[in-house]
Amino acid sequence: MNKISKFGLALLATCVSAATFSSCDDWVEPENVDLNYDTADKTDPVAYEEYLEALRDYRETDHKLVYVWFNNLGKGENINTRAQRVDELPDSIDVVVFTNPTSISDITVRDMENVREKKNMKFTYVIDFDAIKLAYLEHQAMSTEEEPFAVEFLDFLTDSTATALSYAKKNNFNGIMIGYNGKITNHMTPAEKTEYLANEKNFIGIMSDWHARNPEMDIDFIGKPQNVGDKDLINDCNVLFLSESQSANSNYGFNMALANASIEGVPADRIGMVTSYTDPNDDKIGYMADGSLCVSSLANWASGENVKACAFTNIAYDYYNATSPYQVVRKALQTLNPSNL
């Protein structure tokens, strides 16, 4: 038995916390259905190839990047709706963030390779410090005299982070996204500050070492970059998504998240914002204070701001739109990049 229970909570160690991004696991049924239908590549293959070439050219232009969180199914799970297919996502999405990087269904693997080759779409996943800490605390809470859990957090952090990093190449991702919120240390006791800095140094250090050994892999960040002590790794990230924007329910909230991260050492030209689509199980998710949709509101705000990227979570629910699949996300893409495909 591994000293960390064979990483039974690996999903927590590799995904942004469930409290932040909801899932759609209730869609999974124990049977497949026929999902075949005529597509553009079959009805007019020449025109479709010209479109794909234009799409690949678009990737190289200066535009606001768009990331989406995707609730991928694991190996052995059956896909029974087009909403669970990567190749149904709007083509001009730049990067897809998988919520289950440890296990990917066979059909999703095929979809990944197809859209990566034809559309230059990229794939990544989050390795989150807070989720690893939560997994550690849950292990502690389950500890008994019969099955004691006597692992130091630094050891748990090291092993969990290394395991999470192994999925990058094992499951053929384009890179990783580092999740780290950190804290302000001004009011910590000397002992608290020492422990906090040791944890940060360990986590960021492992990431930096991995990045140095894998320079071909992309790295992004989600969290509070202003709280990271050593900004060297921050400056190597493609996009720095501000986790504070996830809870914003007005343009003022977006502005405050941006202002809080505007400090020396945080590159202003790498900032990204993140928000969520609605959730039928929770009417508090996905709406601004004025009742407008967060996805649309962020796109409108970001179109006039110096931000590099926007990210939308929970978008699977937008697939089931009365007018067209992903209608709200598609409109957001057009708002952010009016000339996109």
Protein backbone atom coordinates (compact mmCIF):
# COMPACT_ATOMS: atom_id res chain seq x y z
CA MET A 1 0.00 0.00 0.00
CA ASN A 2 1.38 3.43 -0.96
CA LYS A 3 1.95 5.73 2.00
CA ILE A 4 -0.71 8.04 0.58
CA SER A 5 -3.29 5.31 0.03
CA LYS A 6 -2.31 4.83 -3.59
CA PHE A 7 -3.39 8.39 -4.24
CA GLY A 8 -7.03 7.44 -3.93
CA LEU A 9 -7.86 11.14 -3.91
CA ALA A 10 -5.82 11.93 -7.02
CA LEU A 11 -8.73 13.73 -8.58
CA LEU A 12 -8.65 16.28 -5.78
CA ALA A 13 -4.94 16.70 -6.34
CA THR A 14 -5.31 17.42 -10.02
CA CYS A 15 -8.50 19.42 -10.38
CA VAL A 16 -9.68 22.77 -9.15
CA SER A 17 -11.89 22.21 -6.10
CA ALA A 18 -15.40 20.90 -6.60
CA ALA A 19 -16.71 23.88 -4.65
CA THR A 20 -15.54 26.08 -7.52
CA PHE A 21 -16.46 24.08 -10.60
CA SER A 22 -19.56 21.89 -10.65
CA SER A 23 -19.83 18.71 -12.69
CA CYS A 24 -22.38 16.92 -14.82
CA ASP A 25 -21.84 13.35 -13.68
CA ASP A 26 -25.57 12.76 -13.56
CA TRP A 27 -25.60 12.51 -17.35
CA VAL A 28 -23.68 9.23 -17.42
CA GLU A 29 -25.86 6.25 -18.33
CA PRO A 30 -24.86 2.58 -18.57
CA GLU A 31 -25.47 2.32 -22.31
CA ASN A 32 -24.25 3.82 -25.58
CA VAL A 33 -26.45 5.40 -28.19
CA ASP A 34 -25.84 6.00 -31.88
CA LEU A 35 -24.33 9.46 -32.21
CA ASN A 36 -23.53 9.38 -35.95
CA TYR A 37 -24.90 12.07 -38.25
CA ASP A 38 -23.86 14.01 -41.34
CA THR A 39 -21.15 16.60 -40.71
CA ALA A 40 -19.47 19.31 -42.78
CA ASP A 41 -16.44 17.15 -43.54
CA LYS A 42 -18.76 14.64 -45.24
CA THR A 43 -21.16 17.00 -47.03
CA ASP A 44 -18.46 19.27 -48.53
CA PRO A 45 -14.97 17.95 -47.75
CA VAL A 46 -13.12 20.49 -49.93
CA ALA A 47 -14.76 23.49 -48.30
CA TYR A 48 -14.22 21.92 -44.88
CA GLU A 49 -10.48 21.52 -45.48
CA GLU A 50 -10.29 25.18 -46.50
CA TYR A 51 -12.12 26.09 -43.30
CA LEU A 52 -9.72 24.04 -41.18
CA GLU A 53 -6.74 25.74 -42.78
CA ALA A 54 -8.27 29.14 -42.00
CA LEU A 55 -8.92 28.00 -38.44
CA ARG A 56 -5.30 26.93 -37.96
CA ASP A 57 -4.16 30.29 -39.35
CA TYR A 58 -6.48 32.02 -36.89
CA ARG A 59 -4.72 30.31 -33.99
CA GLU A 60 -1.55 32.19 -34.91
CA THR A 61 -3.20 35.64 -34.92
CA ASP A 62 -3.27 38.09 -32.03
CA HIS A 63 -6.60 37.40 -30.34
CA LYS A 64 -8.06 36.96 -26.87
CA LEU A 65 -7.56 33.33 -25.92
CA VAL A 66 -10.55 31.31 -24.73
CA TYR A 67 -10.24 28.36 -22.34
CA VAL A 68 -13.14 26.12 -21.27
CA TRP A 69 -13.44 23.57 -18.48
CA PHE A 70 -14.68 20.22 -19.81
CA ASN A 71 -16.13 17.46 -17.60
CA ASN A 72 -14.52 14.55 -19.45
CA LEU A 73 -15.60 10.99 -18.77
CA GLY A 74 -13.15 8.43 -17.46
CA LYS A 75 -11.94 5.25 -19.08
CA GLY A 76 -14.71 2.68 -19.36
CA GLU A 77 -17.51 5.23 -19.00
CA ASN A 78 -20.00 5.39 -21.87
CA ILE A 79 -20.70 8.57 -23.81
CA ASN A 80 -24.41 8.93 -24.52
CA THR A 81 -24.79 12.59 -25.52
CA ARG A 82 -22.98 14.93 -27.89
CA ALA A 83 -22.40 17.26 -24.95
CA GLN A 84 -19.78 14.76 -23.76
CA ARG A 85 -17.84 14.93 -27.03
CA VAL A 86 -14.81 17.17 -27.35
CA ASP A 87 -15.32 17.51 -31.10
CA GLU A 88 -18.67 19.23 -30.45
CA LEU A 89 -17.01 22.20 -28.73
CA PRO A 90 -16.96 25.47 -30.69
CA ASP A 91 -13.93 25.37 -32.99
CA SER A 92 -12.42 28.71 -32.00
CA ILE A 93 -11.92 27.63 -28.39
CA ASP A 94 -8.16 27.63 -27.90
CA VAL A 95 -7.60 25.39 -24.85
CA VAL A 96 -9.74 22.74 -23.15
CA VAL A 97 -9.19 22.10 -19.43
CA PHE A 98 -10.10 18.54 -18.44
CA THR A 99 -11.57 18.06 -14.97
CA ASN A 100 -10.65 14.37 -14.88
CA PRO A 101 -7.08 14.12 -16.18
CA THR A 102 -6.31 10.85 -14.44
CA SER A 103 -8.64 8.77 -16.61
CA ILE A 104 -9.91 9.60 -20.11
CA SER A 105 -12.43 7.57 -22.09
CA ASP A 106 -11.24 5.99 -25.32
CA ILE A 107 -13.57 8.03 -27.50
CA THR A 108 -12.43 11.24 -25.80
CA VAL A 109 -8.81 10.30 -26.49
CA ARG A 110 -9.69 9.89 -30.17
CA ASP A 111 -11.52 13.22 -30.18
CA MET A 112 -8.54 14.91 -28.54
CA GLU A 113 -6.15 13.73 -31.23
CA ASN A 114 -8.60 14.59 -34.00
CA VAL A 115 -9.21 18.22 -32.96
CA ARG A 116 -5.59 18.74 -31.97
CA GLU A 117 -4.39 17.66 -35.42
CA LYS A 118 -7.10 19.32 -37.49
CA LYS A 119 -7.92 22.41 -35.42
CA ASN A 120 -4.79 23.00 -33.30
CA MET A 121 -6.94 22.92 -30.17
CA LYS A 122 -4.90 22.30 -27.00
CA PHE A 123 -5.59 20.37 -23.79
CA THR A 124 -4.50 20.93 -20.22
CA TYR A 125 -5.54 20.26 -16.61
CA VAL A 126 -5.17 21.87 -13.20
CA ILE A 127 -2.85 20.81 -10.39
CA ASP A 128 -4.14 22.72 -7.40
CA PHE A 129 -2.32 23.27 -4.10
CA ASP A 130 -5.51 23.86 -2.09
CA ALA A 131 -7.07 20.65 -3.43
CA ILE A 132 -3.99 18.70 -2.37
CA LYS A 133 -4.17 20.27 1.09
CA LEU A 134 -7.85 19.34 1.32
CA ALA A 135 -7.07 15.75 0.34
CA TYR A 136 -4.42 15.64 3.07
CA LEU A 137 -6.85 16.89 5.70
CA GLU A 138 -9.43 14.32 4.61
CA HIS A 139 -6.85 11.57 4.98
CA GLN A 140 -6.08 12.84 8.47
CA ALA A 141 -9.77 12.89 9.37
CA MET A 142 -10.15 9.24 8.29
CA SER A 143 -7.11 8.11 10.25
CA THR A 144 -7.75 5.44 12.89
CA GLU A 145 -5.64 3.38 15.27
CA GLU A 146 -6.09 0.41 12.95
CA GLU A 147 -5.19 2.45 9.84
CA PRO A 148 -3.15 5.41 11.01
CA PHE A 149 -2.15 8.21 8.65
CA ALA A 150 1.22 9.49 9.85
CA VAL A 151 2.48 11.31 6.77
CA GLU A 152 3.89 14.82 7.01
CA PHE A 153 2.19 17.33 4.74
CA LEU A 154 5.38 18.20 2.85
CA ASP A 155 5.85 14.55 1.95
CA PHE A 156 2.20 14.25 0.91
CA LEU A 157 2.49 17.44 -1.14
CA THR A 158 5.64 16.25 -2.89
CA ASP A 159 4.24 12.83 -3.77
CA SER A 160 0.80 14.14 -4.81
CA THR A 161 2.27 16.86 -7.03
CA ALA A 162 4.68 14.43 -8.69
CA THR A 163 1.85 11.98 -9.34
CA ALA A 164 -0.36 14.73 -10.78
CA LEU A 165 2.45 15.90 -13.07
CA SER A 166 2.88 12.40 -14.45
CA TYR A 167 -0.49 12.62 -16.22
CA ALA A 168 0.75 15.41 -18.49
CA LYS A 169 2.67 13.06 -20.77
CA LYS A 170 0.90 9.84 -19.81
CA ASN A 171 -2.42 11.19 -21.11
CA ASN A 172 -0.92 13.34 -23.86
CA PHE A 173 -1.79 16.82 -22.64
CA ASN A 174 -0.21 19.93 -24.13
CA GLY A 175 0.68 21.20 -20.69
CA ILE A 176 -0.52 21.92 -17.16
CA MET A 177 -2.22 24.69 -15.22
CA ILE A 178 -0.82 25.51 -11.79
CA GLY A 179 -3.46 26.27 -9.16
CA TYR A 180 -2.24 28.37 -6.25
CA ASN A 181 -4.02 31.07 -4.23
CA GLY A 182 -1.57 31.50 -1.39
CA LYS A 183 -2.05 33.99 1.41
CA ILE A 184 -0.86 37.38 2.63
CA THR A 185 1.84 36.71 5.23
CA ASN A 186 1.75 40.05 7.08
CA HIS A 187 -0.34 38.81 10.01
CA MET A 188 1.14 35.32 10.33
CA THR A 189 3.12 34.29 13.39
CA PRO A 190 6.78 33.43 12.72
CA ALA A 191 5.98 29.72 12.96
CA GLU A 192 2.99 30.01 10.63
CA LYS A 193 5.02 32.01 8.12
CA THR A 194 7.87 29.50 8.19
CA GLU A 195 5.50 26.60 7.52
CA TYR A 196 3.62 28.53 4.83
CA LEU A 197 6.79 29.53 2.97
CA ALA A 198 8.15 25.98 3.15
CA ASN A 199 4.96 24.62 1.58
CA GLU A 200 4.98 27.23 -1.16
CA LYS A 201 8.66 26.72 -1.89
CA ASN A 202 8.08 22.97 -2.18
CA PHE A 203 5.04 23.22 -4.47
CA ILE A 204 6.34 26.00 -6.72
CA GLY A 205 9.80 24.42 -6.70
CA ILE A 206 8.49 21.08 -8.00
CA MET A 207 6.57 22.92 -10.73
CA SER A 208 9.63 24.95 -11.70
CA ASP A 209 11.81 21.86 -11.87
CA TRP A 210 9.24 20.06 -14.03
CA HIS A 211 8.96 23.09 -16.31
CA ALA A 212 12.75 23.26 -16.72
CA ARG A 213 12.84 19.58 -17.69
CA ASN A 214 9.83 19.85 -20.01
CA PRO A 215 10.19 23.18 -21.82
CA GLU A 216 8.04 21.97 -24.70
CA MET A 217 4.99 21.72 -22.43
CA ASP A 218 2.74 24.74 -21.91
CA ILE A 219 2.17 26.11 -18.43
CA ASP A 220 -0.67 28.34 -17.24
CA PHE A 221 -1.66 29.56 -13.80
CA ILE A 222 -4.93 29.98 -11.92
CA GLY A 223 -5.10 31.61 -8.51
CA LYS A 224 -3.67 34.77 -6.98
CA PRO A 225 -0.31 35.46 -8.65
CA GLN A 226 0.23 38.45 -6.35
CA ASN A 227 0.63 36.01 -3.43
CA VAL A 228 3.39 33.93 -5.02
CA GLY A 229 6.73 34.83 -3.47
CA ASP A 230 9.04 33.71 -6.26
CA LYS A 231 7.68 35.26 -9.45
CA ASP A 232 10.10 33.49 -11.85
CA LEU A 233 7.66 30.69 -12.66
CA ILE A 234 4.79 33.16 -12.90
CA ASN A 235 6.65 35.00 -15.63
CA ASP A 236 6.98 31.79 -17.66
CA CYS A 237 3.24 31.09 -17.68
CA ASN A 238 1.24 31.74 -20.84
CA VAL A 239 -1.84 32.98 -18.98
CA LEU A 240 -2.40 33.94 -15.35
CA PHE A 241 -6.08 33.34 -14.58
CA LEU A 242 -7.30 35.27 -11.55
CA SER A 243 -9.35 33.02 -9.28
CA GLU A 244 -10.94 36.09 -7.67
CA SER A 245 -12.77 36.79 -10.92
CA GLN A 246 -14.66 33.50 -10.47
CA SER A 247 -16.69 35.00 -7.62
CA ALA A 248 -17.24 38.40 -9.28
CA ASN A 249 -20.90 39.26 -9.87
CA SER A 250 -20.36 42.69 -11.44
CA ASN A 251 -17.87 44.59 -13.57
CA TYR A 252 -16.62 46.10 -10.31
CA GLY A 253 -15.69 42.58 -9.19
CA PHE A 254 -13.72 41.97 -12.39
CA ASN A 255 -11.98 45.32 -11.95
CA MET A 256 -11.10 44.55 -8.33
CA ALA A 257 -9.61 41.15 -9.25
CA LEU A 258 -7.52 42.87 -11.90
CA ALA A 259 -6.44 45.64 -9.51
CA ASN A 260 -5.42 43.18 -6.79
CA ALA A 261 -3.11 41.36 -9.20
CA SER A 262 -1.58 44.55 -10.56
CA ILE A 263 1.67 44.49 -8.60
CA GLU A 264 5.33 44.40 -9.51
CA GLY A 265 6.42 41.01 -10.78
CA VAL A 266 3.03 39.99 -12.20
CA PRO A 267 3.09 40.53 -15.98
CA ALA A 268 0.05 42.62 -16.88
CA ASP A 269 -0.03 41.28 -20.43
CA ARG A 270 -0.68 37.68 -19.28
CA ILE A 271 -3.82 38.19 -17.19
CA GLY A 272 -6.87 35.99 -17.74
CA MET A 273 -10.32 36.04 -16.14
CA VAL A 274 -12.59 33.10 -15.34
CA THR A 275 -16.33 32.73 -14.78
CA SER A 276 -19.02 30.06 -14.89
CA TYR A 277 -22.04 29.19 -16.99
CA THR A 278 -25.29 28.49 -15.15
CA ASP A 279 -26.11 25.32 -13.25
CA PRO A 280 -29.71 24.02 -13.19
CA ASN A 281 -29.02 22.56 -9.75
CA ASP A 282 -27.93 25.90 -8.24
CA ASP A 283 -29.55 29.18 -9.29
CA LYS A 284 -26.74 31.17 -7.67
CA ILE A 285 -24.16 29.96 -10.21
CA GLY A 286 -23.61 31.73 -13.51
CA TYR A 287 -25.52 34.96 -12.90
CA MET A 288 -24.35 38.50 -12.23
CA ALA A 289 -25.99 40.64 -9.55
CA ASP A 290 -28.18 42.26 -12.22
CA GLY A 291 -29.40 38.87 -13.47
CA SER A 292 -27.31 38.79 -16.64
CA LEU A 293 -25.23 35.75 -17.55
CA CYS A 294 -21.67 35.73 -16.19
CA VAL A 295 -20.27 34.30 -19.45
CA SER A 296 -21.79 37.09 -21.54
CA SER A 297 -20.91 39.77 -19.01
CA LEU A 298 -17.27 38.72 -18.78
CA ALA A 299 -16.96 38.64 -22.56
CA ASN A 300 -18.43 42.15 -22.82
CA TRP A 301 -16.14 43.47 -20.08
CA ALA A 302 -12.99 41.74 -21.36
CA SER A 303 -13.51 42.89 -24.95
CA GLY A 304 -12.58 46.39 -23.83
CA GLU A 305 -9.86 45.49 -21.34
CA ASN A 306 -6.21 44.51 -21.63
CA VAL A 307 -6.68 40.87 -20.68
CA LYS A 308 -5.07 38.01 -22.58
CA ALA A 309 -7.69 35.33 -22.03
CA CYS A 310 -11.10 34.39 -20.68
CA ALA A 311 -12.09 31.02 -19.27
CA PHE A 312 -15.58 29.58 -18.96
CA THR A 313 -16.45 26.70 -16.65
CA ASN A 314 -19.56 24.53 -16.48
CA ILE A 315 -20.23 25.02 -20.20
CA ALA A 316 -21.69 21.55 -20.78
CA TYR A 317 -25.06 22.92 -19.66
CA ASP A 318 -24.90 25.44 -22.51
CA TYR A 319 -24.92 22.57 -25.01
CA TYR A 320 -28.63 22.00 -24.39
CA ASN A 321 -29.70 25.35 -25.77
CA ALA A 322 -33.02 25.70 -27.58
CA THR A 323 -31.50 27.61 -30.49
CA SER A 324 -28.13 25.92 -31.05
CA PRO A 325 -25.50 24.00 -29.06
CA TYR A 326 -23.25 26.25 -26.97
CA GLN A 327 -25.19 29.32 -28.03
CA VAL A 328 -24.07 31.52 -25.12
CA VAL A 329 -20.43 30.45 -25.40
CA ARG A 330 -20.46 31.01 -29.18
CA LYS A 331 -21.79 34.54 -28.69
CA ALA A 332 -19.09 35.17 -26.08
CA LEU A 333 -16.44 34.00 -28.56
CA GLN A 334 -17.77 36.45 -31.15
CA THR A 335 -17.79 39.26 -28.60
CA LEU A 336 -14.19 38.61 -27.60
CA ASN A 337 -12.92 38.08 -31.17
CA PRO A 338 -15.45 39.49 -33.67
CA SER A 339 -13.52 38.11 -36.64
CA ASN A 340 -13.16 34.57 -35.25
CA LEU A 341 -14.41 31.48 -37.09
